[in-house]
Full PDB file with SEQRES, HELIX, SHEET, SSBOND, CRYST1, ORIGX, SCALE, CONECT and MASTER records, all heavy atoms in Angstrom:
SEQRES   1 A   32  THR SER ASN ILE HIS SER LYS LEU ALA VAL ASN SER ASP          
SEQRES   2 A   32  ILE VAL LEU GLN LEU PRO ASP ASP GLU SER PHE ASP GLU          
SEQRES   3 A   32  LYS VAL ALA SER PHE ALA                                      
HELIX    1 AA1 LYS A    7  VAL A   10  1                                   4    
CRYST1    1.000    1.000    1.000  90.00  90.00  90.00 P 1           1          
ORIGX1      1.000000  0.000000  0.000000        0.00000                         
ORIGX2      0.000000  1.000000  0.000000        0.00000                         
ORIGX3      0.000000  0.000000  1.000000        0.00000                         
SCALE1      1.000000  0.000000  0.000000        0.00000                         
SCALE2      0.000000  1.000000  0.000000        0.00000                         
SCALE3      0.000000  0.000000  1.000000        0.00000                         
ATOM      1  N   THR A   1     -21.122  14.487  11.682  1.00  0.00           N  
ATOM      2  CA  THR A   1     -21.730  13.351  10.976  1.00  0.00           C  
ATOM      3  C   THR A   1     -23.242  13.326  11.164  1.00  0.00           C  
ATOM      4  O   THR A   1     -23.766  13.932  12.106  1.00  0.00           O  
ATOM      5  CB  THR A   1     -21.131  12.023  11.483  1.00  0.00           C  
ATOM      6  OG1 THR A   1     -21.670  10.938  10.723  1.00  0.00           O  
ATOM      7  CG2 THR A   1     -21.453  11.798  12.953  1.00  0.00           C  
ATOM      8  N   SER A   2     -23.910  12.602  10.278  1.00  0.00           N  
ATOM      9  CA  SER A   2     -25.347  12.365  10.454  1.00  0.00           C  
ATOM     10  C   SER A   2     -25.587  11.069  11.221  1.00  0.00           C  
ATOM     11  O   SER A   2     -26.684  10.825  11.713  1.00  0.00           O  
ATOM     12  CB  SER A   2     -26.046  12.270   9.092  1.00  0.00           C  
ATOM     13  OG  SER A   2     -25.614  11.116   8.387  1.00  0.00           O  
ATOM     14  N   ASN A   3     -24.541  10.236  11.316  1.00  0.00           N  
ATOM     15  CA  ASN A   3     -24.656   8.920  11.956  1.00  0.00           C  
ATOM     16  C   ASN A   3     -24.112   8.986  13.383  1.00  0.00           C  
ATOM     17  O   ASN A   3     -22.978   8.592  13.660  1.00  0.00           O  
ATOM     18  CB  ASN A   3     -23.894   7.879  11.133  1.00  0.00           C  
ATOM     19  CG  ASN A   3     -24.146   6.459  11.600  1.00  0.00           C  
ATOM     20  OD1 ASN A   3     -24.843   6.228  12.587  1.00  0.00           O  
ATOM     21  ND2 ASN A   3     -23.569   5.491  10.904  1.00  0.00           N  
ATOM     22  N   ILE A   4     -24.934   9.480  14.298  1.00  0.00           N  
ATOM     23  CA  ILE A   4     -24.472   9.715  15.669  1.00  0.00           C  
ATOM     24  C   ILE A   4     -24.318   8.422  16.474  1.00  0.00           C  
ATOM     25  O   ILE A   4     -23.785   8.451  17.590  1.00  0.00           O  
ATOM     26  CB  ILE A   4     -25.416  10.676  16.413  1.00  0.00           C  
ATOM     27  CG1 ILE A   4     -26.839  10.103  16.490  1.00  0.00           C  
ATOM     28  CG2 ILE A   4     -25.426  12.041  15.745  1.00  0.00           C  
ATOM     29  CD1 ILE A   4     -27.781  10.909  17.369  1.00  0.00           C  
ATOM     30  N   HIS A   5     -24.792   7.302  15.933  1.00  0.00           N  
ATOM     31  CA  HIS A   5     -24.661   6.022  16.631  1.00  0.00           C  
ATOM     32  C   HIS A   5     -23.504   5.182  16.076  1.00  0.00           C  
ATOM     33  O   HIS A   5     -23.319   4.040  16.498  1.00  0.00           O  
ATOM     34  CB  HIS A   5     -25.965   5.229  16.530  1.00  0.00           C  
ATOM     35  CG  HIS A   5     -27.143   5.950  17.102  1.00  0.00           C  
ATOM     36  ND1 HIS A   5     -27.234   6.281  18.437  1.00  0.00           N  
ATOM     37  CD2 HIS A   5     -28.269   6.427  16.504  1.00  0.00           C  
ATOM     38  CE1 HIS A   5     -28.372   6.919  18.651  1.00  0.00           C  
ATOM     39  NE2 HIS A   5     -29.014   7.020  17.498  1.00  0.00           N  
ATOM     40  N   SER A   6     -22.734   5.740  15.175  1.00  0.00           N  
ATOM     41  CA  SER A   6     -21.611   5.022  14.583  1.00  0.00           C  
ATOM     42  C   SER A   6     -20.481   4.864  15.602  1.00  0.00           C  
ATOM     43  O   SER A   6     -20.424   5.561  16.622  1.00  0.00           O  
ATOM     44  CB  SER A   6     -21.081   5.785  13.366  1.00  0.00           C  
ATOM     45  OG  SER A   6     -20.603   7.062  13.768  1.00  0.00           O  
ATOM     46  N   LYS A   7     -19.590   3.942  15.320  1.00  0.00           N  
ATOM     47  CA  LYS A   7     -18.435   3.715  16.186  1.00  0.00           C  
ATOM     48  C   LYS A   7     -17.596   4.981  16.310  1.00  0.00           C  
ATOM     49  O   LYS A   7     -17.122   5.325  17.400  1.00  0.00           O  
ATOM     50  CB  LYS A   7     -17.578   2.570  15.633  1.00  0.00           C  
ATOM     51  CG  LYS A   7     -16.345   2.248  16.463  1.00  0.00           C  
ATOM     52  CD  LYS A   7     -15.568   1.078  15.877  1.00  0.00           C  
ATOM     53  CE  LYS A   7     -14.324   0.777  16.713  1.00  0.00           C  
ATOM     54  NZ  LYS A   7     -13.550  -0.360  16.149  1.00  0.00           N  
ATOM     55  N   LEU A   8     -17.428   5.677  15.201  1.00  0.00           N  
ATOM     56  CA  LEU A   8     -16.634   6.903  15.210  1.00  0.00           C  
ATOM     57  C   LEU A   8     -17.260   7.967  16.097  1.00  0.00           C  
ATOM     58  O   LEU A   8     -16.578   8.609  16.900  1.00  0.00           O  
ATOM     59  CB  LEU A   8     -16.496   7.428  13.778  1.00  0.00           C  
ATOM     60  CG  LEU A   8     -15.556   8.618  13.573  1.00  0.00           C  
ATOM     61  CD1 LEU A   8     -14.130   8.251  13.958  1.00  0.00           C  
ATOM     62  CD2 LEU A   8     -15.619   9.093  12.125  1.00  0.00           C  
ATOM     63  N   ALA A   9     -18.573   8.151  15.967  1.00  0.00           N  
ATOM     64  CA  ALA A   9     -19.264   9.160  16.770  1.00  0.00           C  
ATOM     65  C   ALA A   9     -19.258   8.801  18.255  1.00  0.00           C  
ATOM     66  O   ALA A   9     -18.999   9.649  19.115  1.00  0.00           O  
ATOM     67  CB  ALA A   9     -20.695   9.332  16.278  1.00  0.00           C  
ATOM     68  N   VAL A  10     -19.530   7.541  18.553  1.00  0.00           N  
ATOM     69  CA  VAL A  10     -19.580   7.091  19.952  1.00  0.00           C  
ATOM     70  C   VAL A  10     -18.232   7.287  20.645  1.00  0.00           C  
ATOM     71  O   VAL A  10     -18.176   7.567  21.844  1.00  0.00           O  
ATOM     72  CB  VAL A  10     -20.024   5.611  20.016  1.00  0.00           C  
ATOM     73  CG1 VAL A  10     -19.849   5.051  21.421  1.00  0.00           C  
ATOM     74  CG2 VAL A  10     -21.480   5.476  19.570  1.00  0.00           C  
ATOM     75  N   ASN A  11     -17.142   7.172  19.897  1.00  0.00           N  
ATOM     76  CA  ASN A  11     -15.806   7.307  20.476  1.00  0.00           C  
ATOM     77  C   ASN A  11     -15.246   8.725  20.380  1.00  0.00           C  
ATOM     78  O   ASN A  11     -14.071   8.952  20.675  1.00  0.00           O  
ATOM     79  CB  ASN A  11     -14.844   6.342  19.789  1.00  0.00           C  
ATOM     80  CG  ASN A  11     -15.015   4.914  20.272  1.00  0.00           C  
ATOM     81  OD1 ASN A  11     -14.473   4.525  21.303  1.00  0.00           O  
ATOM     82  ND2 ASN A  11     -15.796   4.138  19.535  1.00  0.00           N  
ATOM     83  N   SER A  12     -16.082   9.665  19.980  1.00  0.00           N  
ATOM     84  CA  SER A  12     -15.658  11.054  19.877  1.00  0.00           C  
ATOM     85  C   SER A  12     -15.991  11.816  21.152  1.00  0.00           C  
ATOM     86  O   SER A  12     -16.938  11.469  21.874  1.00  0.00           O  
ATOM     87  CB  SER A  12     -16.324  11.741  18.682  1.00  0.00           C  
ATOM     88  OG  SER A  12     -15.954  11.125  17.473  1.00  0.00           O  
ATOM     89  N   ASP A  13     -15.232  12.859  21.422  1.00  0.00           N  
ATOM     90  CA  ASP A  13     -15.491  13.696  22.599  1.00  0.00           C  
ATOM     91  C   ASP A  13     -16.655  14.641  22.339  1.00  0.00           C  
ATOM     92  O   ASP A  13     -17.422  14.958  23.241  1.00  0.00           O  
ATOM     93  CB  ASP A  13     -14.231  14.494  22.953  1.00  0.00           C  
ATOM     94  CG  ASP A  13     -13.065  13.588  23.298  1.00  0.00           C  
ATOM     95  OD1 ASP A  13     -13.064  13.036  24.413  1.00  0.00           O  
ATOM     96  OD2 ASP A  13     -12.180  13.408  22.447  1.00  0.00           O  
ATOM     97  N   ILE A  14     -16.766  15.099  21.102  1.00  0.00           N  
ATOM     98  CA  ILE A  14     -17.855  15.989  20.706  1.00  0.00           C  
ATOM     99  C   ILE A  14     -18.393  15.515  19.362  1.00  0.00           C  
ATOM    100  O   ILE A  14     -17.622  15.192  18.455  1.00  0.00           O  
ATOM    101  CB  ILE A  14     -17.379  17.452  20.581  1.00  0.00           C  
ATOM    102  CG1 ILE A  14     -16.944  18.000  21.941  1.00  0.00           C  
ATOM    103  CG2 ILE A  14     -18.468  18.337  19.976  1.00  0.00           C  
ATOM    104  CD1 ILE A  14     -16.322  19.387  21.878  1.00  0.00           C  
ATOM    105  N   VAL A  15     -19.721  15.456  19.234  1.00  0.00           N  
ATOM    106  CA  VAL A  15     -20.358  15.094  17.968  1.00  0.00           C  
ATOM    107  C   VAL A  15     -21.267  16.246  17.550  1.00  0.00           C  
ATOM    108  O   VAL A  15     -22.137  16.672  18.314  1.00  0.00           O  
ATOM    109  CB  VAL A  15     -21.182  13.800  18.088  1.00  0.00           C  
ATOM    110  CG1 VAL A  15     -21.875  13.495  16.764  1.00  0.00           C  
ATOM    111  CG2 VAL A  15     -20.298  12.637  18.500  1.00  0.00           C  
ATOM    112  N   LEU A  16     -21.051  16.760  16.350  1.00  0.00           N  
ATOM    113  CA  LEU A  16     -21.894  17.805  15.779  1.00  0.00           C  
ATOM    114  C   LEU A  16     -22.738  17.141  14.696  1.00  0.00           C  
ATOM    115  O   LEU A  16     -22.216  16.678  13.686  1.00  0.00           O  
ATOM    116  CB  LEU A  16     -21.038  18.931  15.210  1.00  0.00           C  
ATOM    117  CG  LEU A  16     -20.089  19.600  16.227  1.00  0.00           C  
ATOM    118  CD1 LEU A  16     -19.215  20.644  15.540  1.00  0.00           C  
ATOM    119  CD2 LEU A  16     -20.875  20.232  17.369  1.00  0.00           C  
ATOM    120  N   GLN A  17     -24.049  17.100  14.937  1.00  0.00           N  
ATOM    121  CA  GLN A  17     -24.926  16.266  14.120  1.00  0.00           C  
ATOM    122  C   GLN A  17     -25.425  16.969  12.868  1.00  0.00           C  
ATOM    123  O   GLN A  17     -25.896  18.112  12.906  1.00  0.00           O  
ATOM    124  CB  GLN A  17     -26.117  15.794  14.945  1.00  0.00           C  
ATOM    125  CG  GLN A  17     -27.033  14.819  14.217  1.00  0.00           C  
ATOM    126  CD  GLN A  17     -28.165  14.314  15.091  1.00  0.00           C  
ATOM    127  OE1 GLN A  17     -28.247  14.644  16.273  1.00  0.00           O  
ATOM    128  NE2 GLN A  17     -29.046  13.513  14.518  1.00  0.00           N  
ATOM    129  N   LEU A  18     -25.355  16.251  11.759  1.00  0.00           N  
ATOM    130  CA  LEU A  18     -25.956  16.663  10.498  1.00  0.00           C  
ATOM    131  C   LEU A  18     -27.314  15.989  10.340  1.00  0.00           C  
ATOM    132  O   LEU A  18     -27.500  14.859  10.796  1.00  0.00           O  
ATOM    133  CB  LEU A  18     -25.070  16.245   9.324  1.00  0.00           C  
ATOM    134  CG  LEU A  18     -23.703  16.912   9.183  1.00  0.00           C  
ATOM    135  CD1 LEU A  18     -22.816  16.070   8.277  1.00  0.00           C  
ATOM    136  CD2 LEU A  18     -23.862  18.314   8.632  1.00  0.00           C  
ATOM    137  N   PRO A  19     -28.277  16.615   9.668  1.00  0.00           N  
ATOM    138  CA  PRO A  19     -29.541  15.941   9.368  1.00  0.00           C  
ATOM    139  C   PRO A  19     -29.302  14.733   8.470  1.00  0.00           C  
ATOM    140  O   PRO A  19     -28.427  14.763   7.602  1.00  0.00           O  
ATOM    141  CB  PRO A  19     -30.350  17.018   8.632  1.00  0.00           C  
ATOM    142  CG  PRO A  19     -29.714  18.311   9.014  1.00  0.00           C  
ATOM    143  CD  PRO A  19     -28.263  18.022   9.219  1.00  0.00           C  
ATOM    144  N   ASP A  20     -30.085  13.710   8.671  1.00  0.00           N  
ATOM    145  CA  ASP A  20     -29.953  12.476   7.882  1.00  0.00           C  
ATOM    146  C   ASP A  20     -31.037  12.464   6.811  1.00  0.00           C  
ATOM    147  O   ASP A  20     -32.018  11.728   6.900  1.00  0.00           O  
ATOM    148  CB  ASP A  20     -30.083  11.267   8.816  1.00  0.00           C  
ATOM    149  CG  ASP A  20     -29.873   9.949   8.083  1.00  0.00           C  
ATOM    150  OD1 ASP A  20     -29.379   9.998   6.947  1.00  0.00           O  
ATOM    151  OD2 ASP A  20     -30.221   8.900   8.634  1.00  0.00           O  
ATOM    152  N   ASP A  21     -30.872  13.302   5.782  1.00  0.00           N  
ATOM    153  CA  ASP A  21     -31.910  13.477   4.772  1.00  0.00           C  
ATOM    154  C   ASP A  21     -31.604  12.806   3.445  1.00  0.00           C  
ATOM    155  O   ASP A  21     -32.507  12.585   2.644  1.00  0.00           O  
ATOM    156  CB  ASP A  21     -32.136  14.966   4.496  1.00  0.00           C  
ATOM    157  CG  ASP A  21     -32.805  15.664   5.665  1.00  0.00           C  
ATOM    158  OD1 ASP A  21     -33.713  15.070   6.261  1.00  0.00           O  
ATOM    159  OD2 ASP A  21     -32.409  16.799   5.984  1.00  0.00           O  
ATOM    160  N   GLU A  22     -30.338  12.530   3.187  1.00  0.00           N  
ATOM    161  CA  GLU A  22     -29.953  12.053   1.863  1.00  0.00           C  
ATOM    162  C   GLU A  22     -29.663  10.553   1.849  1.00  0.00           C  
ATOM    163  O   GLU A  22     -29.110  10.011   2.798  1.00  0.00           O  
ATOM    164  CB  GLU A  22     -28.722  12.811   1.367  1.00  0.00           C  
ATOM    165  CG  GLU A  22     -28.990  14.280   1.104  1.00  0.00           C  
ATOM    166  CD  GLU A  22     -27.753  15.036   0.686  1.00  0.00           C  
ATOM    167  OE1 GLU A  22     -26.639  14.484   0.798  1.00  0.00           O  
ATOM    168  OE2 GLU A  22     -27.895  16.198   0.266  1.00  0.00           O  
ATOM    169  N   SER A  23     -30.023   9.922   0.760  1.00  0.00           N  
ATOM    170  CA  SER A  23     -29.747   8.497   0.552  1.00  0.00           C  
ATOM    171  C   SER A  23     -28.460   8.347  -0.240  1.00  0.00           C  
ATOM    172  O   SER A  23     -28.207   9.105  -1.187  1.00  0.00           O  
ATOM    173  CB  SER A  23     -30.905   7.843  -0.202  1.00  0.00           C  
ATOM    174  OG  SER A  23     -30.533   6.574  -0.698  1.00  0.00           O  
ATOM    175  N   PHE A  24     -27.655   7.360   0.112  1.00  0.00           N  
ATOM    176  CA  PHE A  24     -26.406   7.138  -0.595  1.00  0.00           C  
ATOM    177  C   PHE A  24     -26.646   6.660  -2.032  1.00  0.00           C  
ATOM    178  O   PHE A  24     -25.863   6.937  -2.931  1.00  0.00           O  
ATOM    179  CB  PHE A  24     -25.552   6.102   0.145  1.00  0.00           C  
ATOM    180  CG  PHE A  24     -25.129   6.551   1.513  1.00  0.00           C  
ATOM    181  CD1 PHE A  24     -25.709   5.995   2.645  1.00  0.00           C  
ATOM    182  CD2 PHE A  24     -24.179   7.528   1.666  1.00  0.00           C  
ATOM    183  CE1 PHE A  24     -25.337   6.419   3.904  1.00  0.00           C  
ATOM    184  CE2 PHE A  24     -23.789   7.963   2.925  1.00  0.00           C  
ATOM    185  CZ  PHE A  24     -24.372   7.406   4.051  1.00  0.00           C  
ATOM    186  N   ASP A  25     -27.750   5.962  -2.252  1.00  0.00           N  
ATOM    187  CA  ASP A  25     -28.008   5.350  -3.552  1.00  0.00           C  
ATOM    188  C   ASP A  25     -28.858   6.220  -4.474  1.00  0.00           C  
ATOM    189  O   ASP A  25     -28.722   6.140  -5.697  1.00  0.00           O  
ATOM    190  CB  ASP A  25     -28.706   3.995  -3.369  1.00  0.00           C  
ATOM    191  CG  ASP A  25     -27.881   3.029  -2.536  1.00  0.00           C  
ATOM    192  OD1 ASP A  25     -26.651   3.068  -2.661  1.00  0.00           O  
ATOM    193  OD2 ASP A  25     -28.480   2.257  -1.755  1.00  0.00           O  
ATOM    194  N   GLU A  26     -29.733   7.054  -3.923  1.00  0.00           N  
ATOM    195  CA  GLU A  26     -30.717   7.741  -4.746  1.00  0.00           C  
ATOM    196  C   GLU A  26     -30.401   9.204  -5.027  1.00  0.00           C  
ATOM    197  O   GLU A  26     -30.923   9.768  -5.985  1.00  0.00           O  
ATOM    198  CB  GLU A  26     -32.094   7.655  -4.061  1.00  0.00           C  
ATOM    199  CG  GLU A  26     -32.615   6.236  -3.909  1.00  0.00           C  
ATOM    200  CD  GLU A  26     -33.950   6.190  -3.185  1.00  0.00           C  
ATOM    201  OE1 GLU A  26     -34.484   7.271  -2.879  1.00  0.00           O  
ATOM    202  OE2 GLU A  26     -34.458   5.097  -2.943  1.00  0.00           O  
ATOM    203  N   LYS A  27     -29.570   9.835  -4.235  1.00  0.00           N  
ATOM    204  CA  LYS A  27     -29.364  11.275  -4.395  1.00  0.00           C  
ATOM    205  C   LYS A  27     -28.637  11.587  -5.705  1.00  0.00           C  
ATOM    206  O   LYS A  27     -27.766  10.834  -6.159  1.00  0.00           O  
ATOM    207  CB  LYS A  27     -28.570  11.835  -3.219  1.00  0.00           C  
ATOM    208  CG  LYS A  27     -27.144  11.326  -3.101  1.00  0.00           C  
ATOM    209  CD  LYS A  27     -26.483  11.907  -1.877  1.00  0.00           C  
ATOM    210  CE  LYS A  27     -25.061  11.355  -1.719  1.00  0.00           C  
ATOM    211  NZ  LYS A  27     -24.407  11.864  -0.491  1.00  0.00           N  
ATOM    212  N   VAL A  28     -29.019  12.700  -6.337  1.00  0.00           N  
ATOM    213  CA  VAL A  28     -28.365  13.124  -7.572  1.00  0.00           C  
ATOM    214  C   VAL A  28     -27.100  13.929  -7.275  1.00  0.00           C  
ATOM    215  O   VAL A  28     -26.227  14.057  -8.125  1.00  0.00           O  
ATOM    216  CB  VAL A  28     -29.320  13.951  -8.453  1.00  0.00           C  
ATOM    217  CG1 VAL A  28     -30.485  13.095  -8.912  1.00  0.00           C  
ATOM    218  CG2 VAL A  28     -29.827  15.187  -7.718  1.00  0.00           C  
ATOM    219  N   ALA A  29     -27.002  14.470  -6.071  1.00  0.00           N  
ATOM    220  CA  ALA A  29     -25.815  15.202  -5.624  1.00  0.00           C  
ATOM    221  C   ALA A  29     -25.966  15.483  -4.136  1.00  0.00           C  
ATOM    222  O   ALA A  29     -27.062  15.401  -3.579  1.00  0.00           O  
ATOM    223  CB  ALA A  29     -25.647  16.514  -6.393  1.00  0.00           C  
ATOM    224  N   SER A  30     -24.842  15.831  -3.494  1.00  0.00           N  
ATOM    225  CA  SER A  30     -24.870  16.121  -2.045  1.00  0.00           C  
ATOM    226  C   SER A  30     -25.225  17.586  -1.814  1.00  0.00           C  
ATOM    227  O   SER A  30     -24.475  18.336  -1.196  1.00  0.00           O  
ATOM    228  CB  SER A  30     -23.506  15.798  -1.426  1.00  0.00           C  
ATOM    229  OG  SER A  30     -23.145  14.458  -1.678  1.00  0.00           O  
ATOM    230  N   PHE A  31     -26.395  17.977  -2.318  1.00  0.00           N  
ATOM    231  CA  PHE A  31     -26.791  19.380  -2.227  1.00  0.00           C  
ATOM    232  C   PHE A  31     -26.885  19.839  -0.770  1.00  0.00           C  
ATOM    233  O   PHE A  31     -26.163  20.734  -0.325  1.00  0.00           O  
ATOM    234  CB  PHE A  31     -28.140  19.605  -2.917  1.00  0.00           C  
ATOM    235  CG  PHE A  31     -28.112  19.466  -4.398  1.00  0.00           C  
ATOM    236  CD1 PHE A  31     -28.944  18.562  -5.034  1.00  0.00           C  
ATOM    237  CD2 PHE A  31     -27.255  20.236  -5.177  1.00  0.00           C  
ATOM    238  CE1 PHE A  31     -28.936  18.429  -6.416  1.00  0.00           C  
ATOM    239  CE2 PHE A  31     -27.237  20.114  -6.551  1.00  0.00           C  
ATOM    240  CZ  PHE A  31     -28.083  19.204  -7.173  1.00  0.00           C  
ATOM    241  N   ALA A  32     -27.800  19.234  -0.018  1.00  0.00           N  
ATOM    242  CA  ALA A  32     -28.069  19.688   1.347  1.00  0.00           C  
ATOM    243  C   ALA A  32     -26.923  19.349   2.295  1.00  0.00           C  
ATOM    244  O   ALA A  32     -26.512  20.185   3.101  1.00  0.00           O  
ATOM    245  CB  ALA A  32     -29.378  19.091   1.853  1.00  0.00           C  
TER     246      ALA A  32                                                      
MASTER        0    0    0    1    0    0    0    6  245    1    0    3          
END                                                                             
């Protein structure tokens, strides 16, 4: 996930972080 402070991430044993580059509202597609 890109949201390493989320409830799901905090309760995980391992978190593999994605860059937080894309906006949910503005992106034309999930390219990156």
